[in-house]
C-alpha atoms as a PDB file:
ATOM      1  CA  UNK A   1      90.849 104.057  72.339  1.00  0.00           C
ATOM      2  CA  UNK A   2      91.891 106.278  75.216  1.00  0.00           C
ATOM      3  CA  UNK A   3      93.940 109.354  74.500  1.00  0.00           C
ATOM      4  CA  UNK A   4      97.620 108.812  75.299  1.00  0.00           C
ATOM      5  CA  UNK A   5      98.911 109.898  78.685  1.00  0.00           C
ATOM      6  CA  UNK A   6     102.216 111.726  78.552  1.00  0.00           C
ATOM      7  CA  UNK A   7     103.295 113.222  81.881  1.00  0.00           C
ATOM      8  CA  UNK A   8     106.713 114.788  82.245  1.00  0.00           C
ATOM      9  CA  UNK A   9     108.674 113.821  85.326  1.00  0.00           C
ATOM     10  CA  UNK A  10     109.094 116.253  88.169  1.00  0.00           C
ATOM     11  CA  UNK A  11     111.222 116.167  91.294  1.00  0.00           C
ATOM     12  CA  UNK A  12     108.572 114.005  93.016  1.00  0.00           C
ATOM     13  CA  UNK A  13     106.588 112.368  90.216  1.00  0.00           C
ATOM     14  CA  UNK A  14     107.624 109.981  87.443  1.00  0.00           C
ATOM     15  CA  UNK A  15     107.465 110.392  83.703  1.00  0.00           C
ATOM     16  CA  UNK A  16     104.494 108.389  82.496  1.00  0.00           C
ATOM     17  CA  UNK A  17     103.892 107.498  78.878  1.00  0.00           C
ATOM     18  CA  UNK A  18     100.908 105.336  78.016  1.00  0.00           C
ATOM     19  CA  UNK A  19     100.482 105.430  74.250  1.00  0.00           C
ATOM     20  CA  UNK A  20      98.822 102.485  72.554  1.00  0.00           C
ATOM     21  CA  UNK A  21      99.309 103.950  69.061  1.00  0.00           C
ATOM     22  CA  UNK A  22     103.073 104.245  69.570  1.00  0.00           C
ATOM     23  CA  UNK A  23     103.232 101.031  71.623  1.00  0.00           C
ATOM     24  CA  UNK A  24     104.939 102.826  74.529  1.00  0.00           C
ATOM     25  CA  UNK A  25     104.054 101.947  78.111  1.00  0.00           C
ATOM     26  CA  UNK A  26     106.537 103.431  80.564  1.00  0.00           C
ATOM     27  CA  UNK A  27     106.859 104.774  84.090  1.00  0.00           C
ATOM     28  CA  UNK A  28     110.267 106.278  84.888  1.00  0.00           C
ATOM     29  CA  UNK A  29     111.877 108.487  87.506  1.00  0.00           C
ATOM     30  CA  UNK A  30     110.946 109.109  91.135  1.00  0.00           C
ATOM     31  CA  UNK A  31     107.562 108.476  92.694  1.00  0.00           C
ATOM     32  CA  UNK A  32     107.192 110.250  96.004  1.00  0.00           C
ATOM     33  CA  UNK A  33     103.980 112.080  95.159  1.00  0.00           C
ATOM     34  CA  UNK A  34     101.952 113.604  97.981  1.00  0.00           C
ATOM     35  CA  UNK A  35      98.767 111.662  97.221  1.00  0.00           C
ATOM     36  CA  UNK A  36      99.739 108.545  95.223  1.00  0.00           C
ATOM     37  CA  UNK A  37      96.183 107.220  94.950  1.00  0.00           C
ATOM     38  CA  UNK A  38      95.006 110.501  93.441  1.00  0.00           C
ATOM     39  CA  UNK A  39      98.050 110.731  91.147  1.00  0.00           C
ATOM     40  CA  UNK A  40      97.751 107.171  89.826  1.00  0.00           C
ATOM     41  CA  UNK A  41      93.943 106.968  89.440  1.00  0.00           C
ATOM     42  CA  UNK A  42      94.016 108.308  85.837  1.00  0.00           C
ATOM     43  CA  UNK A  43      96.712 105.710  85.093  1.00  0.00           C
ATOM     44  CA  UNK A  44      94.516 102.892  86.432  1.00  0.00           C
ATOM     45  CA  UNK A  45      91.572 104.184  84.420  1.00  0.00           C
ATOM     46  CA  UNK A  46      93.662 104.297  81.235  1.00  0.00           C
ATOM     47  CA  UNK A  47      94.960 100.764  81.756  1.00  0.00           C
ATOM     48  CA  UNK A  48      91.453  99.445  82.534  1.00  0.00           C
ATOM     49  CA  UNK A  49      90.292 100.914  79.222  1.00  0.00           C
ATOM     50  CA  UNK A  50      93.361  99.540  77.426  1.00  0.00           C
ATOM     51  CA  UNK A  51      92.673  96.011  78.728  1.00  0.00           C
ATOM     52  CA  UNK A  52      89.399  96.010  76.776  1.00  0.00           C
ATOM     53  CA  UNK A  53      91.371  96.071  73.492  1.00  0.00           C
ATOM     54  CA  UNK A  54      95.102  95.592  74.120  1.00  0.00           C
ATOM     55  CA  UNK A  55      97.810  95.171  71.532  1.00  0.00           C
ATOM     56  CA  UNK A  56      98.866  91.602  70.717  1.00  0.00           C
ATOM     57  CA  UNK A  57     102.026  92.240  72.759  1.00  0.00           C
ATOM     58  CA  UNK A  58     102.400  94.846  75.478  1.00  0.00           C
ATOM     59  CA  UNK A  59     105.849  95.670  76.831  1.00  0.00           C
ATOM     60  CA  UNK A  60     105.487  97.747  80.016  1.00  0.00           C
ATOM     61  CA  UNK A  61     108.676  99.411  81.258  1.00  0.00           C
ATOM     62  CA  UNK A  62     109.334 100.467  84.832  1.00  0.00           C
ATOM     63  CA  UNK A  63     112.508 102.504  85.280  1.00  0.00           C
ATOM     64  CA  UNK A  64     112.085 103.886  88.776  1.00  0.00           C
ATOM     65  CA  UNK A  65     115.132 105.289  90.495  1.00  0.00           C
ATOM     66  CA  UNK A  66     113.166 105.645  93.743  1.00  0.00           C
ATOM     67  CA  UNK A  67     109.632 105.179  95.023  1.00  0.00           C
ATOM     68  CA  UNK A  68     108.262 105.347  98.535  1.00  0.00           C
ATOM     69  CA  UNK A  69     106.096 102.722 100.220  1.00  0.00           C
ATOM     70  CA  UNK A  70     102.800 104.413  99.316  1.00  0.00           C
ATOM     71  CA  UNK A  71     103.860 104.531  95.663  1.00  0.00           C
ATOM     72  CA  UNK A  72     104.914 100.867  95.889  1.00  0.00           C
ATOM     73  CA  UNK A  73     101.274  99.986  96.567  1.00  0.00           C
ATOM     74  CA  UNK A  74     100.234 101.876  93.443  1.00  0.00           C
ATOM     75  CA  UNK A  75     102.858 100.086  91.357  1.00  0.00           C
ATOM     76  CA  UNK A  76     101.475  96.750  92.559  1.00  0.00           C
ATOM     77  CA  UNK A  77      97.990  97.911  91.544  1.00  0.00           C
ATOM     78  CA  UNK A  78      99.328  98.559  88.038  1.00  0.00           C
ATOM     79  CA  UNK A  79     100.971  95.116  87.936  1.00  0.00           C
ATOM     80  CA  UNK A  80      97.680  93.501  89.012  1.00  0.00           C
ATOM     81  CA  UNK A  81      95.839  95.344  86.250  1.00  0.00           C
ATOM     82  CA  UNK A  82      98.402  94.204  83.688  1.00  0.00           C
ATOM     83  CA  UNK A  83      97.859  90.623  84.858  1.00  0.00           C
ATOM     84  CA  UNK A  84      94.376  90.818  83.305  1.00  0.00           C
ATOM     85  CA  UNK A  85      95.782  91.170  79.769  1.00  0.00           C
ATOM     86  CA  UNK A  86      96.704  87.482  79.175  1.00  0.00           C
ATOM     87  CA  UNK A  87      93.033  86.568  79.716  1.00  0.00           C
ATOM     88  CA  UNK A  88      92.310  88.513  76.507  1.00  0.00           C
ATOM     89  CA  UNK A  89      94.580  86.162  74.559  1.00  0.00           C
ATOM     90  CA  UNK A  90      97.357  88.750  74.302  1.00  0.00           C
ATOM     91  CA  UNK A  91     100.832  88.884  75.769  1.00  0.00           C
ATOM     92  CA  UNK A  92     102.288  91.263  78.308  1.00  0.00           C
ATOM     93  CA  UNK A  93     105.867  91.612  79.453  1.00  0.00           C
ATOM     94  CA  UNK A  94     107.285  93.808  82.182  1.00  0.00           C
ATOM     95  CA  UNK A  95     110.813  95.169  81.966  1.00  0.00           C
ATOM     96  CA  UNK A  96     112.065  96.369  85.345  1.00  0.00           C
ATOM     97  CA  UNK A  97     115.092  98.544  84.669  1.00  0.00           C
ATOM     98  CA  UNK A  98     117.599  99.619  87.282  1.00  0.00           C
ATOM     99  CA  UNK A  99     120.866 101.497  87.210  1.00  0.00           C
ATOM    100  CA  UNK A 100     124.059  99.537  87.769  1.00  0.00           C
ATOM    101  CA  UNK A 101     124.797  99.433  91.496  1.00  0.00           C
ATOM    102  CA  UNK A 102     121.252 100.332  92.575  1.00  0.00           C
ATOM    103  CA  UNK A 103     120.676  97.217  94.653  1.00  0.00           C
ATOM    104  CA  UNK A 104     117.524  98.612  96.283  1.00  0.00           C
ATOM    105  CA  UNK A 105     115.781  99.028  92.937  1.00  0.00           C
ATOM    106  CA  UNK A 106     116.922  95.561  91.840  1.00  0.00           C
ATOM    107  CA  UNK A 107     115.624  94.026  95.091  1.00  0.00           C
ATOM    108  CA  UNK A 108     112.274  95.767  94.717  1.00  0.00           C
ATOM    109  CA  UNK A 109     112.032  94.385  91.186  1.00  0.00           C
ATOM    110  CA  UNK A 110     112.894  90.912  92.489  1.00  0.00           C
ATOM    111  CA  UNK A 111     110.145  91.192  95.141  1.00  0.00           C
ATOM    112  CA  UNK A 112     107.526  92.235  92.600  1.00  0.00           C
ATOM    113  CA  UNK A 113     108.632  89.519  90.180  1.00  0.00           C
ATOM    114  CA  UNK A 114     108.088  86.899  92.906  1.00  0.00           C
ATOM    115  CA  UNK A 115     104.419  87.809  93.331  1.00  0.00           C
ATOM    116  CA  UNK A 116     103.661  88.705  89.719  1.00  0.00           C
ATOM    117  CA  UNK A 117     102.161  86.270  87.242  1.00  0.00           C
ATOM    118  CA  UNK A 118     103.643  88.182  84.306  1.00  0.00           C
ATOM    119  CA  UNK A 119     106.636  87.621  82.060  1.00  0.00           C
ATOM    120  CA  UNK A 120     108.919  89.832  84.161  1.00  0.00           C
ATOM    121  CA  UNK A 121     112.508  90.675  83.288  1.00  0.00           C
ATOM    122  CA  UNK A 122     114.908  92.630  85.477  1.00  0.00           C
ATOM    123  CA  UNK A 123     117.534  94.489  83.475  1.00  0.00           C
ATOM    124  CA  UNK A 124     120.542  96.476  84.620  1.00  0.00           C
ATOM    125  CA  UNK A 125     121.830  99.445  82.644  1.00  0.00           C
ATOM    126  CA  UNK A 126     125.152 101.291  83.058  1.00  0.00           C
ATOM    127  CA  UNK A 127     125.368 104.044  85.656  1.00  0.00           C
ATOM    128  CA  UNK A 128     125.633 107.526  84.196  1.00  0.00           C
ATOM    129  CA  UNK A 129     128.831 109.445  84.669  1.00  0.00           C
ATOM    130  CA  UNK A 130     128.341 112.945  86.042  1.00  0.00           C
END
């Protein structure tokens, strides 16, 4: 089993938690990293390893407040990797979370849901008061 990945979010990069033992699979925050391919390669490698022996049910959470077009490509790569899990006889579900009123994030989730073969749920949560 791969060691968990636990990256704290920064101004330009998302929080990423990939922890099979704790059953947490989450990408949250902003993704406008300088070199998305380089940033996400360890994530792909972890997921590829995870697919070899996934949990019976994987719930992958995306809670992205913003991501640029080059990060969008990387997110689709992750979705395509996750689509390999059902072939192992296990289930995978994607929760696409967006803040109330964030129509762009909702629309991006809708677009990904259209092309994804996964159980894909789009969920709104209340906007934070500042």
